[in-house]
Amino acid sequence: AACGHLLQCMMAHPEMVAGTDRLDTVLMRAAKGKLMCKAGGEAVFIAVVPEKDTVIALKAEDGAGCAAQAALCGLLEWHRRAAAEGPVAAQPISFPTLKNWRGLEVGEIRMGTP
């Protein structure tokens, strides 16, 4: 019961989980109480979608947070496990345009198709 209560609290108050402008918070806000997401150290992420009885846990082997964020959003979108608004709202965080020190666009982070 305590775990269920904690899950509900995290989904109801995402800003208390990760602060503002973090992938966890953006995904949970967009999902409106239907997704719990939490980042851990060294590029570890977990996402729980209770109504679809789904848990995703992943870690980027090299510890790169940007890779883990992109992988999590890609998995949620490909498998349609979260509200469509979640991955869309997280696009700027998960799939950013990369810029050099002069501010010129030099690349992007994106997912291939499975």
N, C-alpha and C. Protein backbone atom coordinates (compact mmCIF):
# COMPACT_ATOMS: atom_id res chain seq x y z
N ALA A 1 0.83 -1.20 0.00
CA ALA A 1 0.00 0.00 0.00
C ALA A 1 0.87 1.25 0.00
N ALA A 2 1.97 1.21 0.74
CA ALA A 2 2.86 2.37 0.81
C ALA A 2 3.48 2.69 -0.55
N CYS A 3 3.87 1.66 -1.29
CA CYS A 3 4.44 1.86 -2.62
C CYS A 3 3.42 2.48 -3.56
N GLY A 4 2.19 2.02 -3.50
CA GLY A 4 1.13 2.58 -4.33
C GLY A 4 0.86 4.03 -4.00
N HIS A 5 0.89 4.35 -2.70
CA HIS A 5 0.68 5.73 -2.27
C HIS A 5 1.82 6.62 -2.76
N LEU A 6 3.04 6.15 -2.65
CA LEU A 6 4.19 6.91 -3.11
C LEU A 6 4.11 7.16 -4.62
N LEU A 7 3.74 6.15 -5.37
CA LEU A 7 3.58 6.27 -6.82
C LEU A 7 2.55 7.35 -7.15
N GLN A 8 1.40 7.31 -6.49
CA GLN A 8 0.35 8.30 -6.73
C GLN A 8 0.82 9.72 -6.38
N CYS A 9 1.55 9.85 -5.29
CA CYS A 9 2.05 11.16 -4.89
C CYS A 9 3.05 11.71 -5.91
N MET A 10 3.93 10.85 -6.40
CA MET A 10 4.91 11.29 -7.39
C MET A 10 4.22 11.74 -8.68
N MET A 11 3.21 11.01 -9.12
CA MET A 11 2.50 11.37 -10.34
C MET A 11 1.69 12.65 -10.16
N ALA A 12 1.18 12.87 -8.96
CA ALA A 12 0.37 14.05 -8.69
C ALA A 12 1.21 15.32 -8.53
N HIS A 13 2.47 15.16 -8.12
CA HIS A 13 3.34 16.32 -7.85
C HIS A 13 4.72 16.12 -8.47
N PRO A 14 4.80 16.08 -9.81
CA PRO A 14 6.07 15.78 -10.47
C PRO A 14 7.19 16.76 -10.16
N GLU A 15 6.84 18.02 -9.88
CA GLU A 15 7.88 19.01 -9.59
C GLU A 15 8.62 18.69 -8.28
N MET A 16 8.02 17.88 -7.43
CA MET A 16 8.67 17.48 -6.18
C MET A 16 9.62 16.29 -6.40
N VAL A 17 9.54 15.67 -7.55
CA VAL A 17 10.37 14.51 -7.87
C VAL A 17 11.72 14.93 -8.44
N ALA A 18 11.68 15.87 -9.39
CA ALA A 18 12.92 16.20 -10.09
C ALA A 18 13.16 17.70 -10.28
N GLY A 19 12.27 18.53 -9.82
CA GLY A 19 12.43 19.95 -10.06
C GLY A 19 11.83 20.34 -11.39
N THR A 20 12.15 21.53 -11.86
CA THR A 20 11.58 22.02 -13.12
C THR A 20 12.52 21.75 -14.29
N ASP A 21 11.95 21.68 -15.46
CA ASP A 21 12.69 21.51 -16.71
C ASP A 21 13.57 20.27 -16.75
N ARG A 22 13.18 19.25 -16.05
CA ARG A 22 13.87 17.95 -16.11
C ARG A 22 12.96 16.98 -16.82
N LEU A 23 13.55 15.97 -17.46
CA LEU A 23 12.76 15.02 -18.24
C LEU A 23 11.68 14.37 -17.39
N ASP A 24 12.02 13.95 -16.18
CA ASP A 24 11.04 13.31 -15.29
C ASP A 24 9.80 14.19 -15.14
N THR A 25 10.04 15.46 -14.80
CA THR A 25 8.95 16.39 -14.53
C THR A 25 8.13 16.66 -15.78
N VAL A 26 8.79 16.90 -16.90
CA VAL A 26 8.09 17.20 -18.16
C VAL A 26 7.20 16.04 -18.57
N LEU A 27 7.74 14.81 -18.51
CA LEU A 27 6.95 13.64 -18.88
C LEU A 27 5.75 13.46 -17.96
N MET A 28 5.96 13.58 -16.65
CA MET A 28 4.85 13.36 -15.71
C MET A 28 3.79 14.44 -15.83
N ARG A 29 4.21 15.69 -16.01
CA ARG A 29 3.22 16.77 -16.19
C ARG A 29 2.36 16.51 -17.42
N ALA A 30 3.00 16.16 -18.53
CA ALA A 30 2.28 15.94 -19.78
C ALA A 30 1.35 14.74 -19.69
N ALA A 31 1.75 13.72 -18.93
CA ALA A 31 0.94 12.50 -18.81
C ALA A 31 -0.23 12.68 -17.85
N LYS A 32 -0.25 13.75 -17.10
CA LYS A 32 -1.37 14.09 -16.21
C LYS A 32 -1.79 12.94 -15.29
N GLY A 33 -0.83 12.44 -14.52
CA GLY A 33 -1.13 11.42 -13.53
C GLY A 33 -1.17 10.00 -14.05
N LYS A 34 -0.68 9.75 -15.25
CA LYS A 34 -0.72 8.40 -15.80
C LYS A 34 0.66 7.79 -15.98
N LEU A 35 1.71 8.51 -15.58
CA LEU A 35 3.08 8.04 -15.74
C LEU A 35 3.92 8.53 -14.58
N MET A 36 4.75 7.65 -14.05
CA MET A 36 5.77 8.05 -13.07
C MET A 36 7.11 7.80 -13.72
N CYS A 37 7.99 8.78 -13.62
CA CYS A 37 9.32 8.67 -14.20
C CYS A 37 10.32 9.22 -13.19
N LYS A 38 11.46 8.55 -13.07
CA LYS A 38 12.49 9.02 -12.14
C LYS A 38 13.86 8.70 -12.69
N ALA A 39 14.70 9.72 -12.72
CA ALA A 39 16.10 9.54 -13.13
C ALA A 39 16.92 9.16 -11.91
N GLY A 40 17.96 8.42 -12.17
CA GLY A 40 18.91 8.07 -11.13
C GLY A 40 20.30 8.49 -11.58
N GLY A 41 21.29 8.17 -10.80
CA GLY A 41 22.66 8.52 -11.15
C GLY A 41 23.19 7.70 -12.31
N GLU A 42 24.19 8.24 -12.99
CA GLU A 42 24.87 7.55 -14.08
C GLU A 42 23.94 7.08 -15.18
N ALA A 43 22.98 7.92 -15.55
CA ALA A 43 22.08 7.67 -16.68
C ALA A 43 21.16 6.48 -16.49
N VAL A 44 20.59 6.37 -15.31
CA VAL A 44 19.59 5.34 -15.02
C VAL A 44 18.22 6.01 -15.03
N PHE A 45 17.24 5.38 -15.65
CA PHE A 45 15.87 5.88 -15.67
C PHE A 45 14.92 4.74 -15.39
N ILE A 46 13.81 5.07 -14.75
CA ILE A 46 12.71 4.13 -14.60
C ILE A 46 11.43 4.89 -14.91
N ALA A 47 10.52 4.21 -15.58
CA ALA A 47 9.21 4.78 -15.87
C ALA A 47 8.16 3.72 -15.55
N VAL A 48 7.08 4.14 -14.93
CA VAL A 48 5.99 3.25 -14.57
C VAL A 48 4.70 3.80 -15.16
N VAL A 49 3.98 2.94 -15.89
CA VAL A 49 2.68 3.31 -16.46
C VAL A 49 1.67 2.34 -15.86
N PRO A 50 1.09 2.69 -14.71
CA PRO A 50 0.23 1.76 -13.98
C PRO A 50 -0.94 1.21 -14.79
N GLU A 51 -1.63 2.04 -15.55
CA GLU A 51 -2.82 1.55 -16.25
C GLU A 51 -2.48 0.61 -17.39
N LYS A 52 -1.22 0.57 -17.82
CA LYS A 52 -0.80 -0.37 -18.86
C LYS A 52 0.06 -1.48 -18.27
N ASP A 53 0.16 -1.50 -16.93
CA ASP A 53 0.92 -2.53 -16.23
C ASP A 53 2.33 -2.66 -16.81
N THR A 54 2.98 -1.50 -16.97
CA THR A 54 4.28 -1.45 -17.63
C THR A 54 5.30 -0.74 -16.77
N VAL A 55 6.50 -1.32 -16.74
CA VAL A 55 7.66 -0.69 -16.10
C VAL A 55 8.80 -0.74 -17.10
N ILE A 56 9.47 0.39 -17.29
CA ILE A 56 10.66 0.44 -18.13
C ILE A 56 11.80 0.89 -17.24
N ALA A 57 12.86 0.12 -17.23
CA ALA A 57 14.07 0.48 -16.50
C ALA A 57 15.23 0.40 -17.49
N LEU A 58 16.04 1.44 -17.53
CA LEU A 58 17.16 1.42 -18.46
C LEU A 58 18.34 2.18 -17.90
N LYS A 59 19.50 1.88 -18.47
CA LYS A 59 20.73 2.56 -18.13
C LYS A 59 21.57 2.68 -19.39
N ALA A 60 22.06 3.87 -19.65
CA ALA A 60 23.02 4.04 -20.74
C ALA A 60 24.35 3.52 -20.23
N GLU A 61 24.90 2.58 -20.93
CA GLU A 61 26.10 1.88 -20.46
C GLU A 61 27.27 2.84 -20.18
N ASP A 62 27.38 3.88 -20.97
CA ASP A 62 28.50 4.81 -20.78
C ASP A 62 28.20 5.91 -19.77
N GLY A 63 27.00 5.90 -19.19
CA GLY A 63 26.63 6.90 -18.19
C GLY A 63 26.19 8.23 -18.77
N ALA A 64 25.96 8.29 -20.08
CA ALA A 64 25.55 9.53 -20.73
C ALA A 64 24.05 9.76 -20.54
N GLY A 65 23.72 10.79 -19.80
CA GLY A 65 22.32 11.09 -19.53
C GLY A 65 21.52 11.38 -20.78
N CYS A 66 22.14 12.05 -21.77
CA CYS A 66 21.39 12.40 -22.99
C CYS A 66 20.98 11.14 -23.74
N ALA A 67 21.81 10.10 -23.72
CA ALA A 67 21.45 8.85 -24.39
C ALA A 67 20.30 8.16 -23.67
N ALA A 68 20.33 8.16 -22.35
CA ALA A 68 19.27 7.52 -21.57
C ALA A 68 17.94 8.26 -21.76
N GLN A 69 17.98 9.58 -21.78
CA GLN A 69 16.75 10.37 -21.97
C GLN A 69 16.14 10.08 -23.34
N ALA A 70 16.96 10.05 -24.37
CA ALA A 70 16.46 9.77 -25.71
C ALA A 70 15.90 8.35 -25.79
N ALA A 71 16.59 7.39 -25.17
CA ALA A 71 16.12 6.00 -25.20
C ALA A 71 14.78 5.86 -24.48
N LEU A 72 14.64 6.50 -23.33
CA LEU A 72 13.38 6.40 -22.59
C LEU A 72 12.22 6.97 -23.40
N CYS A 73 12.40 8.16 -23.95
CA CYS A 73 11.32 8.76 -24.75
C CYS A 73 11.03 7.93 -25.99
N GLY A 74 12.06 7.41 -26.61
CA GLY A 74 11.87 6.56 -27.77
C GLY A 74 11.08 5.31 -27.43
N LEU A 75 11.42 4.67 -26.33
CA LEU A 75 10.69 3.47 -25.90
C LEU A 75 9.23 3.77 -25.58
N LEU A 76 8.99 4.85 -24.85
CA LEU A 76 7.61 5.22 -24.51
C LEU A 76 6.80 5.49 -25.78
N GLU A 77 7.42 6.17 -26.73
CA GLU A 77 6.70 6.50 -27.96
C GLU A 77 6.50 5.26 -28.85
N TRP A 78 7.55 4.48 -29.07
CA TRP A 78 7.44 3.31 -29.94
C TRP A 78 6.42 2.30 -29.43
N HIS A 79 6.40 2.12 -28.13
CA HIS A 79 5.50 1.12 -27.56
C HIS A 79 4.18 1.71 -27.09
N ARG A 80 3.99 3.00 -27.33
CA ARG A 80 2.76 3.69 -26.95
C ARG A 80 2.34 3.37 -25.52
N ARG A 81 3.30 3.54 -24.62
CA ARG A 81 3.05 3.22 -23.22
C ARG A 81 2.67 4.44 -22.39
N ALA A 82 2.84 5.61 -22.93
CA ALA A 82 2.48 6.82 -22.18
C ALA A 82 1.57 7.67 -23.05
N ALA A 83 0.94 8.62 -22.44
CA ALA A 83 0.12 9.56 -23.20
C ALA A 83 0.99 10.19 -24.28
N ALA A 84 0.46 10.37 -25.44
CA ALA A 84 1.22 10.92 -26.57
C ALA A 84 1.83 12.28 -26.24
N GLU A 85 1.19 13.01 -25.34
CA GLU A 85 1.70 14.33 -24.99
C GLU A 85 3.05 14.27 -24.31
N GLY A 86 3.33 13.19 -23.60
CA GLY A 86 4.59 13.07 -22.85
C GLY A 86 5.81 13.13 -23.73
N PRO A 87 5.98 12.19 -24.66
CA PRO A 87 7.15 12.24 -25.53
C PRO A 87 7.22 13.52 -26.37
N VAL A 88 6.07 14.04 -26.79
CA VAL A 88 6.07 15.28 -27.57
C VAL A 88 6.58 16.44 -26.72
N ALA A 89 6.10 16.55 -25.49
CA ALA A 89 6.53 17.63 -24.60
C ALA A 89 8.00 17.52 -24.25
N ALA A 90 8.52 16.30 -24.26
CA ALA A 90 9.92 16.07 -23.87
C ALA A 90 10.90 16.20 -25.03
N GLN A 91 10.42 16.43 -26.25
CA GLN A 91 11.30 16.51 -27.42
C GLN A 91 12.49 17.45 -27.22
N PRO A 92 12.30 18.69 -26.75
CA PRO A 92 13.45 19.59 -26.61
C PRO A 92 14.51 19.08 -25.63
N ILE A 93 14.09 18.31 -24.65
CA ILE A 93 15.04 17.77 -23.67
C ILE A 93 15.67 16.48 -24.18
N SER A 94 14.87 15.60 -24.74
CA SER A 94 15.34 14.28 -25.15
C SER A 94 16.08 14.26 -26.48
N PHE A 95 15.68 15.11 -27.39
CA PHE A 95 16.28 15.12 -28.72
C PHE A 95 16.74 16.53 -29.08
N PRO A 96 17.70 17.07 -28.32
CA PRO A 96 18.11 18.46 -28.54
C PRO A 96 18.95 18.63 -29.81
N THR A 97 18.95 19.84 -30.31
CA THR A 97 19.88 20.22 -31.37
C THR A 97 21.20 20.55 -30.67
N LEU A 98 22.28 20.01 -31.16
CA LEU A 98 23.59 20.23 -30.56
C LEU A 98 24.25 21.45 -31.20
N LYS A 99 24.82 22.30 -30.36
CA LYS A 99 25.47 23.52 -30.84
C LYS A 99 26.91 23.57 -30.34
N ASN A 100 27.76 24.22 -31.12
CA ASN A 100 29.14 24.38 -30.68
C ASN A 100 29.25 25.62 -29.80
N TRP A 101 30.46 25.96 -29.41
CA TRP A 101 30.65 27.08 -28.49
C TRP A 101 30.25 28.42 -29.10
N ARG A 102 30.15 28.50 -30.44
CA ARG A 102 29.71 29.72 -31.11
C ARG A 102 28.20 29.78 -31.29
N GLY A 103 27.52 28.72 -30.87
CA GLY A 103 26.06 28.68 -31.00
C GLY A 103 25.58 28.17 -32.33
N LEU A 104 26.49 27.64 -33.16
CA LEU A 104 26.10 27.10 -34.45
C LEU A 104 25.63 25.66 -34.30
N GLU A 105 24.56 25.30 -35.00
CA GLU A 105 24.05 23.94 -34.95
C GLU A 105 25.05 23.00 -35.62
N VAL A 106 25.44 21.95 -34.89
CA VAL A 106 26.43 21.01 -35.41
C VAL A 106 25.94 19.57 -35.41
N GLY A 107 24.75 19.33 -34.91
CA GLY A 107 24.21 17.97 -34.89
C GLY A 107 22.93 17.90 -34.10
N GLU A 108 22.45 16.69 -33.93
CA GLU A 108 21.22 16.46 -33.17
C GLU A 108 21.25 15.07 -32.56
N ILE A 109 20.48 14.90 -31.54
CA ILE A 109 20.29 13.58 -30.96
C ILE A 109 18.97 13.06 -31.47
N ARG A 110 18.95 11.86 -32.00
CA ARG A 110 17.71 11.29 -32.51
C ARG A 110 17.75 9.79 -32.37
N MET A 111 16.59 9.18 -32.49
CA MET A 111 16.47 7.73 -32.39
C MET A 111 16.28 7.14 -33.76
N GLY A 112 16.90 5.99 -33.98
CA GLY A 112 16.64 5.24 -35.20
C GLY A 112 15.37 4.42 -35.01
N THR A 113 14.95 3.73 -36.01
CA THR A 113 13.77 2.88 -35.89
C THR A 113 14.20 1.48 -35.48
N PRO A 114 13.39 0.80 -34.67
CA PRO A 114 13.78 -0.52 -34.19
C PRO A 114 13.75 -1.55 -35.31
